[in-house]
């Protein structure tokens, strides 16, 4: 019997994403588990502190569209069904926590740069996902 039946792999869309996807795919295959692929687009307003008096809707839509296109490519490459590809907008930690509940996830797989010292104090997405997630979390070390 498999310990993990539903794995959520939460990726950014950098060149390092395949390292995380490879590990998640390997685990899903070995466990006979379903793989759900997710990317969280942060609201453009966060980057500007919400102080810019302009409509950023078009920029947000472009980011969302680009994320969906890239996620589709990864989905095709890794054999992940379209219905298991999720692009959402919000804070990455909060959105992953929400997706864990919505999709009855047993394991979240995220990438981690293994920050040390001062960078560690600032926190990371992997750390934010770990704290508050109701399931196991695997942080894949990115080199």
C-alpha atoms as a PDB file:
ATOM      1  CA  UNK A   1       0.000   0.000   0.000  1.00  0.00           C
ATOM      2  CA  UNK A   2       1.244   3.465  -0.934  1.00  0.00           C
ATOM      3  CA  UNK A   3       1.929   6.066   1.729  1.00  0.00           C
ATOM      4  CA  UNK A   4       1.431   8.908  -0.763  1.00  0.00           C
ATOM      5  CA  UNK A   5      -1.514   8.862  -3.153  1.00  0.00           C
ATOM      6  CA  UNK A   6      -1.627  12.516  -4.261  1.00  0.00           C
ATOM      7  CA  UNK A   7       1.509  14.636  -4.658  1.00  0.00           C
ATOM      8  CA  UNK A   8       1.473  18.382  -5.255  1.00  0.00           C
ATOM      9  CA  UNK A   9       4.615  19.656  -6.943  1.00  0.00           C
ATOM     10  CA  UNK A  10       4.770  23.422  -6.490  1.00  0.00           C
ATOM     11  CA  UNK A  11       7.277  24.971  -8.872  1.00  0.00           C
ATOM     12  CA  UNK A  12       8.514  28.329  -9.914  1.00  0.00           C
ATOM     13  CA  UNK A  13       9.057  28.639 -13.641  1.00  0.00           C
ATOM     14  CA  UNK A  14      12.832  28.959 -13.651  1.00  0.00           C
ATOM     15  CA  UNK A  15      15.372  26.698 -15.309  1.00  0.00           C
ATOM     16  CA  UNK A  16      15.613  24.878 -11.957  1.00  0.00           C
ATOM     17  CA  UNK A  17      12.013  23.598 -12.069  1.00  0.00           C
ATOM     18  CA  UNK A  18      12.951  20.339 -13.858  1.00  0.00           C
ATOM     19  CA  UNK A  19      15.117  19.331 -10.864  1.00  0.00           C
ATOM     20  CA  UNK A  20      12.021  19.478  -8.659  1.00  0.00           C
ATOM     21  CA  UNK A  21       9.796  17.880 -11.301  1.00  0.00           C
ATOM     22  CA  UNK A  22      12.223  14.994 -11.818  1.00  0.00           C
ATOM     23  CA  UNK A  23      12.204  14.152  -8.102  1.00  0.00           C
ATOM     24  CA  UNK A  24       8.413  14.520  -7.843  1.00  0.00           C
ATOM     25  CA  UNK A  25       7.838  12.332 -10.911  1.00  0.00           C
ATOM     26  CA  UNK A  26      10.208   9.686  -9.529  1.00  0.00           C
ATOM     27  CA  UNK A  27       8.345   9.660  -6.202  1.00  0.00           C
ATOM     28  CA  UNK A  28       4.911   9.598  -7.841  1.00  0.00           C
ATOM     29  CA  UNK A  29       5.929   6.689 -10.050  1.00  0.00           C
ATOM     30  CA  UNK A  30       7.446   4.702  -7.181  1.00  0.00           C
ATOM     31  CA  UNK A  31       4.371   5.313  -4.996  1.00  0.00           C
ATOM     32  CA  UNK A  32       1.807   4.836  -7.756  1.00  0.00           C
ATOM     33  CA  UNK A  33       0.596   8.318  -6.864  1.00  0.00           C
ATOM     34  CA  UNK A  34      -1.207  11.015  -8.807  1.00  0.00           C
ATOM     35  CA  UNK A  35       0.846  14.139  -9.517  1.00  0.00           C
ATOM     36  CA  UNK A  36      -0.664  17.626  -9.420  1.00  0.00           C
ATOM     37  CA  UNK A  37       1.486  20.432 -10.833  1.00  0.00           C
ATOM     38  CA  UNK A  38       1.050  23.945  -9.449  1.00  0.00           C
ATOM     39  CA  UNK A  39       2.512  27.394  -9.935  1.00  0.00           C
ATOM     40  CA  UNK A  40       1.513  30.476  -7.973  1.00  0.00           C
ATOM     41  CA  UNK A  41       1.709  33.838  -9.727  1.00  0.00           C
ATOM     42  CA  UNK A  42       2.241  36.545  -7.151  1.00  0.00           C
ATOM     43  CA  UNK A  43       0.046  39.620  -7.582  1.00  0.00           C
ATOM     44  CA  UNK A  44       1.939  42.364  -9.405  1.00  0.00           C
ATOM     45  CA  UNK A  45       0.847  44.847  -6.738  1.00  0.00           C
ATOM     46  CA  UNK A  46       2.996  43.002  -4.163  1.00  0.00           C
ATOM     47  CA  UNK A  47       6.139  43.851  -6.096  1.00  0.00           C
ATOM     48  CA  UNK A  48       5.279  47.556  -5.996  1.00  0.00           C
ATOM     49  CA  UNK A  49       3.862  47.618  -2.490  1.00  0.00           C
ATOM     50  CA  UNK A  50       0.478  48.587  -3.892  1.00  0.00           C
ATOM     51  CA  UNK A  51       1.597  52.232  -4.021  1.00  0.00           C
ATOM     52  CA  UNK A  52       1.553  52.676  -7.787  1.00  0.00           C
ATOM     53  CA  UNK A  53      -1.645  54.414  -8.891  1.00  0.00           C
ATOM     54  CA  UNK A  54      -2.032  52.471 -12.136  1.00  0.00           C
ATOM     55  CA  UNK A  55      -4.005  49.569 -13.461  1.00  0.00           C
ATOM     56  CA  UNK A  56      -1.753  46.510 -13.495  1.00  0.00           C
ATOM     57  CA  UNK A  57      -4.462  44.155 -14.768  1.00  0.00           C
ATOM     58  CA  UNK A  58      -2.936  43.764 -18.234  1.00  0.00           C
ATOM     59  CA  UNK A  59       0.498  42.955 -16.795  1.00  0.00           C
ATOM     60  CA  UNK A  60      -1.059  40.473 -14.345  1.00  0.00           C
ATOM     61  CA  UNK A  61      -2.957  38.820 -17.209  1.00  0.00           C
ATOM     62  CA  UNK A  62       0.267  38.515 -19.250  1.00  0.00           C
ATOM     63  CA  UNK A  63       2.083  36.891 -16.320  1.00  0.00           C
ATOM     64  CA  UNK A  64      -0.826  34.502 -15.788  1.00  0.00           C
ATOM     65  CA  UNK A  65      -0.913  33.563 -19.493  1.00  0.00           C
ATOM     66  CA  UNK A  66       2.870  32.988 -19.614  1.00  0.00           C
ATOM     67  CA  UNK A  67       2.670  30.820 -16.476  1.00  0.00           C
ATOM     68  CA  UNK A  68      -0.136  28.713 -17.947  1.00  0.00           C
ATOM     69  CA  UNK A  69       1.817  28.209 -21.187  1.00  0.00           C
ATOM     70  CA  UNK A  70       4.977  27.129 -19.326  1.00  0.00           C
ATOM     71  CA  UNK A  71       3.029  24.863 -16.982  1.00  0.00           C
ATOM     72  CA  UNK A  72       1.366  23.237 -20.007  1.00  0.00           C
ATOM     73  CA  UNK A  73       4.814  22.507 -21.479  1.00  0.00           C
ATOM     74  CA  UNK A  74       5.973  20.911 -18.230  1.00  0.00           C
ATOM     75  CA  UNK A  75       2.712  19.003 -17.985  1.00  0.00           C
ATOM     76  CA  UNK A  76       3.162  17.563 -21.464  1.00  0.00           C
ATOM     77  CA  UNK A  77       6.833  16.736 -20.850  1.00  0.00           C
ATOM     78  CA  UNK A  78       6.124  14.971 -17.546  1.00  0.00           C
ATOM     79  CA  UNK A  79       2.827  13.340 -18.525  1.00  0.00           C
ATOM     80  CA  UNK A  80       0.662  15.346 -16.123  1.00  0.00           C
ATOM     81  CA  UNK A  81      -2.985  15.620 -17.173  1.00  0.00           C
ATOM     82  CA  UNK A  82      -4.305  19.094 -17.993  1.00  0.00           C
ATOM     83  CA  UNK A  83      -6.833  18.870 -15.145  1.00  0.00           C
ATOM     84  CA  UNK A  84      -3.903  18.356 -12.740  1.00  0.00           C
ATOM     85  CA  UNK A  85      -2.150  21.564 -13.811  1.00  0.00           C
ATOM     86  CA  UNK A  86      -3.014  24.514 -11.586  1.00  0.00           C
ATOM     87  CA  UNK A  87      -2.030  28.162 -11.988  1.00  0.00           C
ATOM     88  CA  UNK A  88      -3.326  30.421  -9.257  1.00  0.00           C
ATOM     89  CA  UNK A  89      -2.658  33.977  -8.110  1.00  0.00           C
ATOM     90  CA  UNK A  90      -1.716  34.870  -4.539  1.00  0.00           C
ATOM     91  CA  UNK A  91       0.940  34.347  -1.904  1.00  0.00           C
ATOM     92  CA  UNK A  92       2.744  31.072  -2.689  1.00  0.00           C
ATOM     93  CA  UNK A  93       2.586  29.684   0.868  1.00  0.00           C
ATOM     94  CA  UNK A  94      -1.115  30.450   1.301  1.00  0.00           C
ATOM     95  CA  UNK A  95      -2.055  29.104  -2.109  1.00  0.00           C
ATOM     96  CA  UNK A  96      -0.132  25.854  -1.569  1.00  0.00           C
ATOM     97  CA  UNK A  97      -1.853  25.409   1.811  1.00  0.00           C
ATOM     98  CA  UNK A  98      -5.230  25.943   0.103  1.00  0.00           C
ATOM     99  CA  UNK A  99      -4.417  23.502  -2.709  1.00  0.00           C
ATOM    100  CA  UNK A 100      -3.351  20.840  -0.182  1.00  0.00           C
ATOM    101  CA  UNK A 101      -6.827  20.971   1.358  1.00  0.00           C
ATOM    102  CA  UNK A 102      -8.745  21.270  -1.925  1.00  0.00           C
ATOM    103  CA  UNK A 103      -6.960  18.349  -3.597  1.00  0.00           C
ATOM    104  CA  UNK A 104      -6.489  16.085  -0.542  1.00  0.00           C
ATOM    105  CA  UNK A 105      -2.705  16.161  -1.009  1.00  0.00           C
ATOM    106  CA  UNK A 106      -0.496  13.700   0.923  1.00  0.00           C
ATOM    107  CA  UNK A 107       2.890  15.211   0.012  1.00  0.00           C
ATOM    108  CA  UNK A 108       4.027  18.614  -1.244  1.00  0.00           C
ATOM    109  CA  UNK A 109       7.248  18.702  -3.248  1.00  0.00           C
ATOM    110  CA  UNK A 110       8.988  22.090  -3.468  1.00  0.00           C
ATOM    111  CA  UNK A 111      12.423  23.320  -4.452  1.00  0.00           C
ATOM    112  CA  UNK A 112      14.812  24.824  -1.933  1.00  0.00           C
ATOM    113  CA  UNK A 113      18.029  26.712  -2.520  1.00  0.00           C
ATOM    114  CA  UNK A 114      19.324  25.707   0.917  1.00  0.00           C
ATOM    115  CA  UNK A 115      19.874  29.264   2.100  1.00  0.00           C
ATOM    116  CA  UNK A 116      22.117  29.863   5.077  1.00  0.00           C
ATOM    117  CA  UNK A 117      22.792  32.680   7.479  1.00  0.00           C
ATOM    118  CA  UNK A 118      21.058  35.981   6.836  1.00  0.00           C
ATOM    119  CA  UNK A 119      19.113  34.656   3.833  1.00  0.00           C
ATOM    120  CA  UNK A 120      17.686  31.895   6.027  1.00  0.00           C
ATOM    121  CA  UNK A 121      16.374  34.483   8.483  1.00  0.00           C
ATOM    122  CA  UNK A 122      14.458  36.147   5.677  1.00  0.00           C
ATOM    123  CA  UNK A 123      12.585  32.929   5.038  1.00  0.00           C
ATOM    124  CA  UNK A 124      11.778  31.166   1.821  1.00  0.00           C
ATOM    125  CA  UNK A 125       8.784  29.792   0.015  1.00  0.00           C
ATOM    126  CA  UNK A 126       9.786  26.238   0.990  1.00  0.00           C
ATOM    127  CA  UNK A 127       9.922  27.268   4.641  1.00  0.00           C
ATOM    128  CA  UNK A 128       6.569  29.030   4.368  1.00  0.00           C
ATOM    129  CA  UNK A 129       5.007  25.945   2.791  1.00  0.00           C
ATOM    130  CA  UNK A 130       6.427  23.680   5.499  1.00  0.00           C
ATOM    131  CA  UNK A 131       4.915  25.719   8.316  1.00  0.00           C
ATOM    132  CA  UNK A 132       1.161  25.449   8.158  1.00  0.00           C
ATOM    133  CA  UNK A 133       0.835  22.599   5.672  1.00  0.00           C
ATOM    134  CA  UNK A 134      -1.277  19.693   6.903  1.00  0.00           C
ATOM    135  CA  UNK A 135       0.780  17.030   5.113  1.00  0.00           C
ATOM    136  CA  UNK A 136       4.376  16.023   4.552  1.00  0.00           C
ATOM    137  CA  UNK A 137       6.680  18.345   2.630  1.00  0.00           C
ATOM    138  CA  UNK A 138       9.709  17.312   0.607  1.00  0.00           C
ATOM    139  CA  UNK A 139      12.149  20.135  -0.085  1.00  0.00           C
ATOM    140  CA  UNK A 140      14.290  19.220  -3.093  1.00  0.00           C
ATOM    141  CA  UNK A 141      17.730  20.792  -2.864  1.00  0.00           C
ATOM    142  CA  UNK A 142      18.377  22.900  -5.954  1.00  0.00           C
ATOM    143  CA  UNK A 143      21.968  23.246  -7.072  1.00  0.00           C
END
